[in-house]
N, C-alpha and C. Protein backbone atom coordinates (compact mmCIF):
# COMPACT_ATOMS: atom_id res chain seq x y z
N MET A 1 0.72 -1.15 -0.04
CA MET A 1 -0.07 -0.14 -0.31
C MET A 1 1.06 1.21 -0.01
N SER A 2 0.64 2.36 -0.49
CA SER A 2 1.26 3.53 -0.95
C SER A 2 0.66 4.40 -1.05
N LEU A 3 0.60 5.38 0.13
CA LEU A 3 0.19 6.60 0.04
C LEU A 3 0.80 7.91 -0.36
N GLN A 4 0.01 8.55 -1.81
CA GLN A 4 0.65 9.71 -2.23
C GLN A 4 0.32 10.91 -1.41
N TYR A 5 1.11 12.15 -1.53
CA TYR A 5 0.91 12.93 -0.43
C TYR A 5 1.23 14.17 -2.20
N PRO A 6 0.07 15.02 -2.44
CA PRO A 6 0.68 15.80 -3.76
C PRO A 6 0.97 17.21 -2.69
N GLY A 7 2.11 17.14 -3.57
CA GLY A 7 3.00 18.43 -3.37
C GLY A 7 4.38 18.31 -2.71
N TYR A 8 4.63 16.75 -2.39
CA TYR A 8 5.78 16.28 -1.03
C TYR A 8 6.66 15.47 -2.42
N GLN A 9 8.02 15.93 -1.98
CA GLN A 9 8.91 15.34 -2.48
C GLN A 9 9.32 13.88 -1.87
N GLN A 10 9.40 13.23 -2.84
CA GLN A 10 9.96 11.62 -2.18
C GLN A 10 11.57 11.45 -2.06
N GLN A 11 11.86 11.16 -0.88
CA GLN A 11 13.68 11.09 -0.65
C GLN A 11 13.75 9.61 0.09
N THR A 12 14.34 8.59 -0.56
CA THR A 12 14.47 7.28 -0.24
C THR A 12 15.18 7.57 0.77
N LEU A 13 15.34 6.90 2.31
CA LEU A 13 15.78 6.66 3.30
C LEU A 13 16.65 5.88 3.76
N TYR A 14 16.21 4.78 2.85
CA TYR A 14 17.15 3.53 2.77
C TYR A 14 16.33 2.16 1.93
N GLN A 15 17.21 1.71 1.29
CA GLN A 15 16.66 0.90 0.11
C GLN A 15 17.57 -0.82 0.37
N ALA A 16 17.02 -1.84 0.47
CA ALA A 16 17.71 -3.05 0.54
C ALA A 16 18.76 -3.12 -0.46
N ASP A 17 19.54 -3.54 -0.43
CA ASP A 17 20.64 -4.16 -1.24
C ASP A 17 19.98 -5.85 -1.83
N PRO A 18 19.82 -5.73 -3.13
CA PRO A 18 19.19 -6.93 -3.57
C PRO A 18 19.60 -8.47 -3.23
N ASN A 19 20.99 -8.26 -2.54
CA ASN A 19 21.63 -9.95 -2.08
C ASN A 19 21.03 -9.77 -0.56
N MET A 20 20.39 -8.93 -0.11
CA MET A 20 20.08 -8.90 1.43
C MET A 20 18.62 -8.91 1.10
N HIS A 21 17.94 -8.40 0.11
CA HIS A 21 16.51 -9.00 0.00
C HIS A 21 16.51 -10.05 0.16
N HIS A 22 17.02 -10.95 -1.22
CA HIS A 22 17.01 -12.49 -1.12
C HIS A 22 17.28 -13.02 0.03
N THR A 23 18.37 -12.55 0.68
CA THR A 23 18.66 -13.49 1.92
C THR A 23 17.91 -13.59 3.16
N LEU A 24 16.66 -12.31 3.38
CA LEU A 24 16.23 -12.18 4.24
C LEU A 24 14.68 -12.85 3.82
N LYS A 25 14.27 -13.12 2.66
CA LYS A 25 13.02 -13.74 2.22
C LYS A 25 13.31 -15.18 2.35
N SER A 26 14.35 -15.83 1.81
CA SER A 26 14.82 -16.59 2.14
C SER A 26 14.62 -17.35 3.77
N VAL A 27 15.33 -16.60 4.67
CA VAL A 27 15.40 -16.89 6.00
C VAL A 27 14.01 -16.75 6.13
N ARG A 28 13.31 -15.87 6.14
CA ARG A 28 11.76 -15.85 6.59
C ARG A 28 11.02 -16.99 6.13
N ASP A 29 11.35 -17.54 4.97
CA ASP A 29 10.31 -18.68 4.14
C ASP A 29 10.87 -19.89 5.17
N LYS A 30 11.89 -19.62 5.13
CA LYS A 30 12.87 -21.28 6.15
C LYS A 30 11.87 -21.34 7.12
N PHE A 31 12.15 -19.99 8.37
CA PHE A 31 11.60 -20.31 9.59
C PHE A 31 10.09 -20.38 9.55
N SER A 32 9.08 -19.68 8.62
CA SER A 32 7.76 -19.90 8.66
C SER A 32 7.79 -21.61 8.22
N HIS A 33 8.09 -22.17 6.94
CA HIS A 33 7.88 -23.86 7.36
C HIS A 33 8.34 -24.40 8.27
N LEU A 34 9.33 -24.09 8.70
CA LEU A 34 9.72 -24.72 10.38
C LEU A 34 8.89 -24.32 11.21
N CYS A 35 8.47 -23.12 11.46
CA CYS A 35 7.48 -22.95 12.31
C CYS A 35 5.96 -23.60 12.36
N GLN A 36 5.26 -23.68 11.27
CA GLN A 36 4.24 -24.07 10.78
C GLN A 36 4.35 -25.75 11.08
N LYS A 37 5.25 -26.19 10.99
CA LYS A 37 5.45 -27.49 11.19
C LYS A 37 5.49 -28.00 12.41
N HIS A 38 5.41 -26.85 13.44
CA HIS A 38 5.52 -27.18 15.06
C HIS A 38 4.69 -26.46 15.53
N VAL A 39 3.17 -26.08 15.07
CA VAL A 39 2.18 -25.62 15.82
C VAL A 39 1.80 -26.08 16.74
N ASN A 40 1.22 -25.67 17.96
CA ASN A 40 0.79 -26.63 19.06
C ASN A 40 1.95 -27.22 19.89
N GLN A 41 2.93 -26.64 19.59
CA GLN A 41 4.41 -27.30 20.13
C GLN A 41 4.77 -26.51 20.97
N LEU A 42 5.14 -26.93 22.40
CA LEU A 42 5.81 -25.79 23.15
C LEU A 42 7.86 -25.80 23.06
N VAL A 43 7.77 -24.06 22.81
CA VAL A 43 9.02 -23.86 22.46
C VAL A 43 9.82 -22.70 23.20
N ARG A 44 10.99 -22.69 23.41
CA ARG A 44 11.61 -21.50 23.99
C ARG A 44 12.52 -21.04 22.70
N ILE A 45 12.42 -19.62 23.16
CA ILE A 45 13.08 -18.48 21.84
C ILE A 45 13.42 -17.44 22.53
N GLU A 46 14.85 -17.50 21.59
CA GLU A 46 15.81 -16.24 21.79
C GLU A 46 15.96 -15.73 20.76
N THR A 47 15.93 -14.01 21.15
CA THR A 47 16.08 -13.22 20.02
C THR A 47 17.24 -12.88 19.96
N LEU A 48 17.97 -12.02 18.77
CA LEU A 48 19.13 -11.40 18.49
C LEU A 48 19.54 -10.46 19.68
N ASP A 49 18.51 -9.72 20.44
CA ASP A 49 18.37 -9.12 21.21
C ASP A 49 18.82 -9.66 22.90
N GLY A 50 18.76 -10.95 22.95
CA GLY A 50 18.89 -11.93 24.00
C GLY A 50 17.71 -12.17 24.72
N ASP A 51 16.91 -11.45 24.20
CA ASP A 51 15.30 -11.70 25.57
C ASP A 51 15.05 -13.36 24.97
N VAL A 52 14.38 -14.06 26.01
CA VAL A 52 14.26 -15.14 26.10
C VAL A 52 12.88 -15.50 26.15
N PHE A 53 11.94 -16.28 25.48
CA PHE A 53 10.54 -16.58 25.59
C PHE A 53 10.26 -18.23 25.75
N GLU A 54 8.94 -18.54 26.63
CA GLU A 54 8.88 -19.72 26.31
C GLU A 54 7.10 -19.69 25.93
N GLY A 55 6.84 -20.61 25.14
CA GLY A 55 5.76 -20.45 25.03
C GLY A 55 5.04 -21.78 23.79
N MET A 56 3.96 -21.69 23.56
CA MET A 56 3.30 -22.40 22.59
C MET A 56 2.92 -21.81 20.99
N ILE A 57 3.64 -22.15 20.18
CA ILE A 57 3.35 -21.97 19.02
C ILE A 57 2.14 -21.92 18.27
N VAL A 58 1.41 -21.12 18.23
CA VAL A 58 -0.31 -21.09 17.77
C VAL A 58 -0.19 -20.90 16.28
N ASN A 59 0.61 -19.70 15.45
CA ASN A 59 0.72 -19.47 14.23
C ASN A 59 2.01 -18.44 13.66
N CYS A 60 1.82 -19.04 12.29
CA CYS A 60 3.35 -18.53 11.97
C CYS A 60 2.54 -17.86 10.41
N ASN A 61 2.58 -16.44 10.33
CA ASN A 61 2.01 -15.66 9.09
C ASN A 61 2.66 -14.71 8.45
N ASN A 62 3.06 -14.21 7.33
CA ASN A 62 3.67 -13.34 6.71
C ASN A 62 4.91 -12.65 7.76
N GLY A 63 5.58 -13.74 7.87
CA GLY A 63 7.05 -13.24 8.82
C GLY A 63 7.04 -13.14 10.03
N ILE A 64 5.56 -12.97 10.72
CA ILE A 64 5.69 -13.27 12.08
C ILE A 64 5.20 -14.58 12.94
N LEU A 65 5.79 -14.75 14.07
CA LEU A 65 5.73 -16.02 14.87
C LEU A 65 4.65 -15.60 16.05
N TYR A 66 3.85 -16.18 16.04
CA TYR A 66 2.81 -15.97 17.45
C TYR A 66 2.87 -17.27 18.16
N ILE A 67 3.38 -16.93 19.59
CA ILE A 67 2.99 -17.93 20.76
C ILE A 67 2.68 -17.49 21.81
N GLN A 68 1.95 -18.21 22.30
CA GLN A 68 1.09 -18.11 23.39
C GLN A 68 1.59 -18.57 24.75
N MET A 69 1.48 -17.47 25.18
CA MET A 69 2.37 -17.59 26.73
C MET A 69 1.76 -18.58 27.50
N PRO A 70 2.51 -18.85 28.73
CA PRO A 70 1.96 -19.74 29.27
C PRO A 70 1.87 -18.88 30.87
N MET A 71 0.28 -19.02 31.17
CA MET A 71 -0.30 -18.37 32.34
C MET A 71 0.52 -18.11 34.08
N ALA A 72 0.56 -19.81 34.03
CA ALA A 72 0.89 -20.31 35.43
C ALA A 72 1.34 -21.67 35.02
N GLN A 73 1.88 -22.24 35.80
CA GLN A 73 2.54 -23.71 36.32
C GLN A 73 1.94 -24.02 37.45
N HIS A 74 1.12 -25.43 37.34
CA HIS A 74 0.81 -26.19 38.47
C HIS A 74 1.10 -27.37 38.31
N SER A 75 1.52 -28.04 39.42
CA SER A 75 1.99 -29.33 39.68
C SER A 75 2.45 -30.00 37.96
N GLY A 76 3.49 -29.16 37.71
CA GLY A 76 4.37 -29.15 36.64
C GLY A 76 3.60 -29.54 35.55
N GLN A 77 2.41 -28.70 35.42
CA GLN A 77 1.92 -28.60 34.04
C GLN A 77 1.58 -27.35 33.93
N ARG A 78 2.03 -26.68 32.44
CA ARG A 78 1.77 -25.11 32.25
C ARG A 78 -0.13 -25.15 31.87
N SER A 79 -0.49 -23.94 32.59
CA SER A 79 -1.65 -23.61 31.54
C SER A 79 -1.26 -22.52 30.96
N PHE A 80 -2.02 -22.44 29.92
CA PHE A 80 -1.96 -20.83 28.76
C PHE A 80 -3.53 -20.20 28.91
N SER A 81 -2.66 -18.73 29.11
CA SER A 81 -3.65 -17.86 29.09
C SER A 81 -4.42 -17.38 27.44
N GLY A 82 -4.71 -15.99 27.58
CA GLY A 82 -5.28 -15.68 26.23
C GLY A 82 -3.96 -14.97 25.72
N ALA A 83 -3.17 -14.58 26.21
CA ALA A 83 -1.99 -13.69 25.85
C ALA A 83 -1.09 -14.25 24.64
N ILE A 84 -1.15 -13.54 23.30
CA ILE A 84 -0.08 -13.71 22.45
C ILE A 84 0.83 -13.46 22.14
N LEU A 85 1.65 -13.76 22.21
CA LEU A 85 3.00 -12.73 21.90
C LEU A 85 3.28 -12.55 20.07
N PRO A 86 3.23 -11.63 19.11
CA PRO A 86 3.78 -11.82 17.95
C PRO A 86 5.75 -11.60 17.97
N LEU A 87 6.42 -12.34 17.06
CA LEU A 87 7.52 -11.94 17.43
C LEU A 87 8.11 -12.35 15.96
N VAL A 88 8.92 -11.12 15.02
CA VAL A 88 8.96 -10.97 13.88
C VAL A 88 10.22 -12.26 13.72
N LEU A 89 10.18 -13.02 12.57
CA LEU A 89 11.02 -13.91 12.27
C LEU A 89 12.85 -13.84 11.92
N TYR A 90 12.85 -12.40 11.51
CA TYR A 90 13.98 -12.47 11.13
C TYR A 90 14.87 -11.67 12.35
N GLU A 91 14.32 -11.74 13.33
CA GLU A 91 15.04 -11.11 15.01
C GLU A 91 15.26 -12.37 16.30
N LEU A 92 14.66 -13.74 15.18
CA LEU A 92 14.85 -14.69 16.24
C LEU A 92 16.44 -15.61 16.01
N LEU A 93 16.71 -16.09 17.02
CA LEU A 93 18.31 -16.23 16.80
C LEU A 93 18.45 -17.90 17.33
N VAL A 94 17.17 -18.29 18.15
CA VAL A 94 17.21 -19.67 18.53
C VAL A 94 15.88 -20.31 18.75
N ILE A 95 15.59 -21.32 18.23
CA ILE A 95 14.34 -21.76 18.81
C ILE A 95 14.38 -23.37 19.14
N THR A 96 13.63 -23.33 20.24
CA THR A 96 14.08 -25.04 21.03
C THR A 96 12.96 -25.56 21.24
N LEU A 97 12.65 -26.58 21.02
CA LEU A 97 11.53 -27.62 21.34
C LEU A 97 11.66 -28.12 22.79
N LEU A 98 10.65 -27.96 23.42
CA LEU A 98 10.95 -28.27 24.60
C LEU A 98 9.99 -29.55 24.89
N ALA A 99 10.61 -30.46 25.83
CA ALA A 99 9.87 -31.57 25.65
C ALA A 99 8.70 -31.74 26.65
N THR A 100 7.54 -31.86 26.38
CA THR A 100 6.11 -32.04 27.37
C THR A 100 5.81 -33.07 28.21
């Protein structure tokens, strides 16, 4: 989607290198396929910034991974709340399956 503003000049602030575009698309597609294969499985995810999240993969769409966060842990069983965290696929460093 592109918005046009009459009377304004356009100035490109950033344009991805064609090789970078190909690499990012390839990584996004690989992650999407991997994550879709593991929907409804418990994972631990580490981002490039060092943040760590644990939750259940509920969806992966358009470069975004959605994980449902656990609400609490009772008697070794995790119960899941309605909170779903969206994570951008190209910011992920590690995805680890957790044994249930």
